[in-house]
Amino acid sequence: MRNKKVLFLTQAAVIAAIYVVLTIFISAFNLASGAIQVRISEALTILPFFTPAAIPGLAIGCLLSNLLTGAAVYDVVFGSLATLLGAVGTYLLRKHKFLCTLPPVIANMVIIPFVLRYGYGLAMEVGGHDVAIPFYMLTVGAGEVICCCILGSILLNALAKMRNVIFKNE
């Protein structure tokens, strides 16, 4: 019993650490935040397909990443919540290999545009109408599709071959 708890904590910690490292790396190219974001660490949101330890690992990794990259408080809270919801959704859809990449995309498409608009004050008007939310839904959604659906699927298929070695449950 104790070994399973240690394994769970270790997996969660390693996933959180990898998420932070990848986010800080991609931040050097200004791609981890903003209206157009391709946060490659979001590819890790497929990991709940393999282990439930990925759920807290991803949430903590996102929280730490947002704190370390100087995100606004709304982004720290709601960005981490979006990643948590996406990870839970991935876990719940783990029996559906293709569908499990979609919850992080949807969670971020719904939550992050509001963070960008109201947390950072990024407005966009067209013809006197505020179109920021729909525009950011498109841009955030595109980045999430790249990271979660494309990179995440590649990662999922690569890890599936080593599933019993990497995510061994005692």
C-alpha atoms as a PDB file:
ATOM      1  CA  MET A   1       0.000   0.000   0.000  1.00  0.00           C
ATOM      2  CA  ARG A   2       2.733   2.470   0.941  1.00  0.00           C
ATOM      3  CA  ASN A   3       4.625   1.831  -2.298  1.00  0.00           C
ATOM      4  CA  LYS A   4       1.561   2.813  -4.348  1.00  0.00           C
ATOM      5  CA  LYS A   5       1.323   6.140  -2.518  1.00  0.00           C
ATOM      6  CA  VAL A   6       5.026   6.813  -3.059  1.00  0.00           C
ATOM      7  CA  LEU A   7       4.688   5.902  -6.741  1.00  0.00           C
ATOM      8  CA  PHE A   8       1.668   8.211  -7.105  1.00  0.00           C
ATOM      9  CA  LEU A   9       3.465  11.144  -5.444  1.00  0.00           C
ATOM     10  CA  THR A  10       6.638  10.550  -7.434  1.00  0.00           C
ATOM     11  CA  GLN A  11       4.779  10.395 -10.740  1.00  0.00           C
ATOM     12  CA  ALA A  12       2.824  13.566  -9.899  1.00  0.00           C
ATOM     13  CA  ALA A  13       6.010  15.411  -8.894  1.00  0.00           C
ATOM     14  CA  VAL A  14       7.910  14.379 -12.022  1.00  0.00           C
ATOM     15  CA  ILE A  15       4.995  15.396 -14.255  1.00  0.00           C
ATOM     16  CA  ALA A  16       4.741  18.769 -12.480  1.00  0.00           C
ATOM     17  CA  ALA A  17       8.488  19.329 -12.887  1.00  0.00           C
ATOM     18  CA  ILE A  18       8.439  18.472 -16.595  1.00  0.00           C
ATOM     19  CA  TYR A  19       5.447  20.774 -17.122  1.00  0.00           C
ATOM     20  CA  VAL A  20       7.301  23.656 -15.438  1.00  0.00           C
ATOM     21  CA  VAL A  21      10.511  23.095 -17.406  1.00  0.00           C
ATOM     22  CA  LEU A  22       8.668  22.933 -20.741  1.00  0.00           C
ATOM     23  CA  THR A  23       6.643  26.053 -19.943  1.00  0.00           C
ATOM     24  CA  ILE A  24       9.677  28.069 -18.905  1.00  0.00           C
ATOM     25  CA  PHE A  25      11.511  26.902 -22.031  1.00  0.00           C
ATOM     26  CA  ILE A  26       8.694  27.924 -24.393  1.00  0.00           C
ATOM     27  CA  SER A  27       8.274  31.212 -22.465  1.00  0.00           C
ATOM     28  CA  ALA A  28      11.691  32.229 -23.786  1.00  0.00           C
ATOM     29  CA  PHE A  29      10.006  32.396 -27.217  1.00  0.00           C
ATOM     30  CA  ASN A  30       6.922  34.264 -25.863  1.00  0.00           C
ATOM     31  CA  LEU A  31       4.649  31.342 -26.713  1.00  0.00           C
ATOM     32  CA  ALA A  32       3.492  30.231 -23.242  1.00  0.00           C
ATOM     33  CA  SER A  33       0.990  33.017 -22.652  1.00  0.00           C
ATOM     34  CA  GLY A  34      -0.868  35.818 -24.349  1.00  0.00           C
ATOM     35  CA  ALA A  35      -3.456  35.942 -27.122  1.00  0.00           C
ATOM     36  CA  ILE A  36      -1.551  33.407 -29.203  1.00  0.00           C
ATOM     37  CA  GLN A  37      -0.151  30.622 -27.058  1.00  0.00           C
ATOM     38  CA  VAL A  38       1.457  27.357 -27.966  1.00  0.00           C
ATOM     39  CA  ARG A  39       2.346  26.041 -24.536  1.00  0.00           C
ATOM     40  CA  ILE A  40       4.005  22.742 -25.464  1.00  0.00           C
ATOM     41  CA  SER A  41       3.715  21.595 -21.855  1.00  0.00           C
ATOM     42  CA  GLU A  42      -0.027  21.205 -22.529  1.00  0.00           C
ATOM     43  CA  ALA A  43       0.868  18.107 -24.570  1.00  0.00           C
ATOM     44  CA  LEU A  44       1.351  16.464 -21.168  1.00  0.00           C
ATOM     45  CA  THR A  45      -2.387  16.725 -20.537  1.00  0.00           C
ATOM     46  CA  ILE A  46      -2.700  13.303 -22.202  1.00  0.00           C
ATOM     47  CA  LEU A  47      -0.853  11.711 -19.271  1.00  0.00           C
ATOM     48  CA  PRO A  48      -4.031  11.024 -17.244  1.00  0.00           C
ATOM     49  CA  PHE A  49      -4.711   8.475 -19.997  1.00  0.00           C
ATOM     50  CA  PHE A  50      -1.919   6.454 -18.337  1.00  0.00           C
ATOM     51  CA  THR A  51      -2.026   7.439 -14.656  1.00  0.00           C
ATOM     52  CA  PRO A  52      -4.332   9.398 -12.351  1.00  0.00           C
ATOM     53  CA  ALA A  53      -1.194  10.846 -10.732  1.00  0.00           C
ATOM     54  CA  ALA A  54      -0.971  13.117 -13.762  1.00  0.00           C
ATOM     55  CA  ILE A  55      -4.052  15.053 -12.625  1.00  0.00           C
ATOM     56  CA  PRO A  56      -2.478  16.740  -9.566  1.00  0.00           C
ATOM     57  CA  GLY A  57       0.895  16.773 -11.344  1.00  0.00           C
ATOM     58  CA  LEU A  58      -0.465  18.822 -14.224  1.00  0.00           C
ATOM     59  CA  ALA A  59      -2.462  21.163 -11.984  1.00  0.00           C
ATOM     60  CA  ILE A  60       0.524  21.850  -9.733  1.00  0.00           C
ATOM     61  CA  GLY A  61       2.834  22.151 -12.734  1.00  0.00           C
ATOM     62  CA  CYS A  62       0.551  24.728 -14.331  1.00  0.00           C
ATOM     63  CA  LEU A  63       0.156  26.621 -11.055  1.00  0.00           C
ATOM     64  CA  LEU A  64       3.926  26.767 -10.534  1.00  0.00           C
ATOM     65  CA  SER A  65       4.536  27.693 -14.178  1.00  0.00           C
ATOM     66  CA  ASN A  66       2.076  30.557 -13.986  1.00  0.00           C
ATOM     67  CA  LEU A  67       3.640  31.808 -10.766  1.00  0.00           C
ATOM     68  CA  LEU A  68       7.199  31.514 -12.091  1.00  0.00           C
ATOM     69  CA  THR A  69       6.430  33.236 -15.401  1.00  0.00           C
ATOM     70  CA  GLY A  70       4.763  36.185 -13.671  1.00  0.00           C
ATOM     71  CA  ALA A  71       1.174  35.543 -14.702  1.00  0.00           C
ATOM     72  CA  ALA A  72      -1.633  37.674 -13.314  1.00  0.00           C
ATOM     73  CA  VAL A  73      -3.454  36.286 -10.292  1.00  0.00           C
ATOM     74  CA  TYR A  74      -6.533  35.475 -12.415  1.00  0.00           C
ATOM     75  CA  ASP A  75      -4.335  33.474 -14.769  1.00  0.00           C
ATOM     76  CA  VAL A  76      -2.691  31.623 -11.889  1.00  0.00           C
ATOM     77  CA  VAL A  77      -6.088  30.610 -10.525  1.00  0.00           C
ATOM     78  CA  PHE A  78      -8.195  30.101 -13.639  1.00  0.00           C
ATOM     79  CA  GLY A  79      -5.384  28.881 -15.914  1.00  0.00           C
ATOM     80  CA  SER A  80      -4.534  26.206 -13.366  1.00  0.00           C
ATOM     81  CA  LEU A  81      -8.231  25.372 -13.057  1.00  0.00           C
ATOM     82  CA  ALA A  82      -8.488  24.974 -16.849  1.00  0.00           C
ATOM     83  CA  THR A  83      -5.557  22.559 -16.833  1.00  0.00           C
ATOM     84  CA  LEU A  84      -7.039  20.658 -13.886  1.00  0.00           C
ATOM     85  CA  LEU A  85     -10.426  20.337 -15.622  1.00  0.00           C
ATOM     86  CA  GLY A  86      -8.735  19.257 -18.848  1.00  0.00           C
ATOM     87  CA  ALA A  87      -6.706  16.620 -17.000  1.00  0.00           C
ATOM     88  CA  VAL A  88      -9.789  15.260 -15.237  1.00  0.00           C
ATOM     89  CA  GLY A  89     -11.609  15.136 -18.571  1.00  0.00           C
ATOM     90  CA  THR A  90      -8.714  13.252 -20.143  1.00  0.00           C
ATOM     91  CA  TYR A  91      -8.798  10.747 -17.299  1.00  0.00           C
ATOM     92  CA  LEU A  92     -12.559  10.272 -17.665  1.00  0.00           C
ATOM     93  CA  LEU A  93     -12.181   9.674 -21.418  1.00  0.00           C
ATOM     94  CA  ARG A  94      -9.123   7.415 -21.108  1.00  0.00           C
ATOM     95  CA  LYS A  95     -10.946   4.536 -22.800  1.00  0.00           C
ATOM     96  CA  HIS A  96     -11.292   6.675 -25.946  1.00  0.00           C
ATOM     97  CA  LYS A  97      -7.796   7.302 -27.269  1.00  0.00           C
ATOM     98  CA  PHE A  98      -8.749  10.052 -29.723  1.00  0.00           C
ATOM     99  CA  LEU A  99     -11.339  11.836 -27.575  1.00  0.00           C
ATOM    100  CA  CYS A 100      -9.078  12.082 -24.531  1.00  0.00           C
ATOM    101  CA  THR A 101      -7.119  14.905 -26.193  1.00  0.00           C
ATOM    102  CA  LEU A 102     -10.191  17.154 -26.381  1.00  0.00           C
ATOM    103  CA  PRO A 103     -11.001  18.090 -22.730  1.00  0.00           C
ATOM    104  CA  PRO A 104      -7.897  20.290 -22.268  1.00  0.00           C
ATOM    105  CA  VAL A 105      -8.665  22.048 -25.560  1.00  0.00           C
ATOM    106  CA  ILE A 106     -12.258  22.727 -24.546  1.00  0.00           C
ATOM    107  CA  ALA A 107     -11.419  23.780 -20.967  1.00  0.00           C
ATOM    108  CA  ASN A 108      -8.780  26.245 -22.143  1.00  0.00           C
ATOM    109  CA  MET A 109     -10.925  27.548 -25.024  1.00  0.00           C
ATOM    110  CA  VAL A 110     -13.739  28.332 -22.604  1.00  0.00           C
ATOM    111  CA  ILE A 111     -11.770  29.701 -19.621  1.00  0.00           C
ATOM    112  CA  ILE A 112      -8.601  31.386 -20.921  1.00  0.00           C
ATOM    113  CA  PRO A 113     -10.278  33.938 -23.261  1.00  0.00           C
ATOM    114  CA  PHE A 114     -12.032  35.423 -20.230  1.00  0.00           C
ATOM    115  CA  VAL A 115      -8.705  35.562 -18.373  1.00  0.00           C
ATOM    116  CA  LEU A 116      -7.116  37.358 -21.330  1.00  0.00           C
ATOM    117  CA  ARG A 117     -10.006  39.793 -21.686  1.00  0.00           C
ATOM    118  CA  TYR A 118     -10.735  40.606 -18.056  1.00  0.00           C
ATOM    119  CA  GLY A 119      -7.593  39.521 -16.198  1.00  0.00           C
ATOM    120  CA  TYR A 120      -5.182  41.197 -18.608  1.00  0.00           C
ATOM    121  CA  GLY A 121      -7.588  43.717 -20.141  1.00  0.00           C
ATOM    122  CA  LEU A 122      -6.866  42.614 -23.707  1.00  0.00           C
ATOM    123  CA  ALA A 123      -9.699  44.170 -25.688  1.00  0.00           C
ATOM    124  CA  MET A 124     -10.487  43.896 -29.370  1.00  0.00           C
ATOM    125  CA  GLU A 125     -13.170  45.846 -31.167  1.00  0.00           C
ATOM    126  CA  VAL A 126     -14.505  45.400 -34.658  1.00  0.00           C
ATOM    127  CA  GLY A 127     -17.169  47.817 -35.843  1.00  0.00           C
ATOM    128  CA  GLY A 128     -17.725  49.053 -32.297  1.00  0.00           C
ATOM    129  CA  HIS A 129     -18.335  45.550 -30.936  1.00  0.00           C
ATOM    130  CA  ASP A 130     -16.071  43.800 -28.450  1.00  0.00           C
ATOM    131  CA  VAL A 131     -14.978  40.579 -30.186  1.00  0.00           C
ATOM    132  CA  ALA A 132     -12.152  39.725 -27.817  1.00  0.00           C
ATOM    133  CA  ILE A 133     -13.734  36.583 -26.317  1.00  0.00           C
ATOM    134  CA  PRO A 134     -14.556  34.877 -29.648  1.00  0.00           C
ATOM    135  CA  PHE A 135     -11.184  35.910 -31.107  1.00  0.00           C
ATOM    136  CA  TYR A 136      -9.264  34.539 -28.121  1.00  0.00           C
ATOM    137  CA  MET A 137     -11.358  31.365 -28.220  1.00  0.00           C
ATOM    138  CA  LEU A 138     -10.036  30.851 -31.750  1.00  0.00           C
ATOM    139  CA  THR A 139      -6.411  31.686 -30.965  1.00  0.00           C
ATOM    140  CA  VAL A 140      -6.242  29.777 -27.673  1.00  0.00           C
ATOM    141  CA  GLY A 141      -8.144  26.898 -29.260  1.00  0.00           C
ATOM    142  CA  ALA A 142      -5.716  26.738 -32.187  1.00  0.00           C
ATOM    143  CA  GLY A 143      -2.736  26.639 -29.824  1.00  0.00           C
ATOM    144  CA  GLU A 144      -4.389  23.939 -27.733  1.00  0.00           C
ATOM    145  CA  VAL A 145      -5.177  21.841 -30.803  1.00  0.00           C
ATOM    146  CA  ILE A 146      -1.510  22.044 -31.800  1.00  0.00           C
ATOM    147  CA  CYS A 147      -0.313  21.136 -28.300  1.00  0.00           C
ATOM    148  CA  CYS A 148      -2.935  18.696 -27.055  1.00  0.00           C
ATOM    149  CA  CYS A 149      -4.359  17.064 -30.158  1.00  0.00           C
ATOM    150  CA  ILE A 150      -1.270  16.959 -32.367  1.00  0.00           C
ATOM    151  CA  LEU A 151       1.715  16.907 -29.969  1.00  0.00           C
ATOM    152  CA  GLY A 152      -0.330  15.139 -27.290  1.00  0.00           C
ATOM    153  CA  SER A 153      -1.385  12.391 -29.704  1.00  0.00           C
ATOM    154  CA  ILE A 154       2.223  11.881 -30.788  1.00  0.00           C
ATOM    155  CA  LEU A 155       3.263  11.665 -27.127  1.00  0.00           C
ATOM    156  CA  LEU A 156       0.368   9.319 -26.313  1.00  0.00           C
ATOM    157  CA  ASN A 157       1.305   6.933 -29.109  1.00  0.00           C
ATOM    158  CA  ALA A 158       4.993   7.020 -28.180  1.00  0.00           C
ATOM    159  CA  LEU A 159       4.303   6.367 -24.491  1.00  0.00           C
ATOM    160  CA  ALA A 160       1.696   3.672 -25.189  1.00  0.00           C
ATOM    161  CA  LYS A 161       4.491   1.378 -26.364  1.00  0.00           C
ATOM    162  CA  MET A 162       6.248   1.724 -22.991  1.00  0.00           C
ATOM    163  CA  ARG A 163       3.114   2.023 -20.851  1.00  0.00           C
ATOM    164  CA  ASN A 164       3.846  -0.970 -18.601  1.00  0.00           C
ATOM    165  CA  VAL A 165       7.418   0.150 -17.984  1.00  0.00           C
ATOM    166  CA  ILE A 166       6.893   3.881 -17.379  1.00  0.00           C
ATOM    167  CA  PHE A 167       3.511   3.798 -15.647  1.00  0.00           C
ATOM    168  CA  LYS A 168       3.861   0.486 -13.882  1.00  0.00           C
ATOM    169  CA  ASN A 169       1.356   0.081 -11.067  1.00  0.00           C
ATOM    170  CA  GLU A 170       2.782  -2.188  -8.400  1.00  0.00           C
END
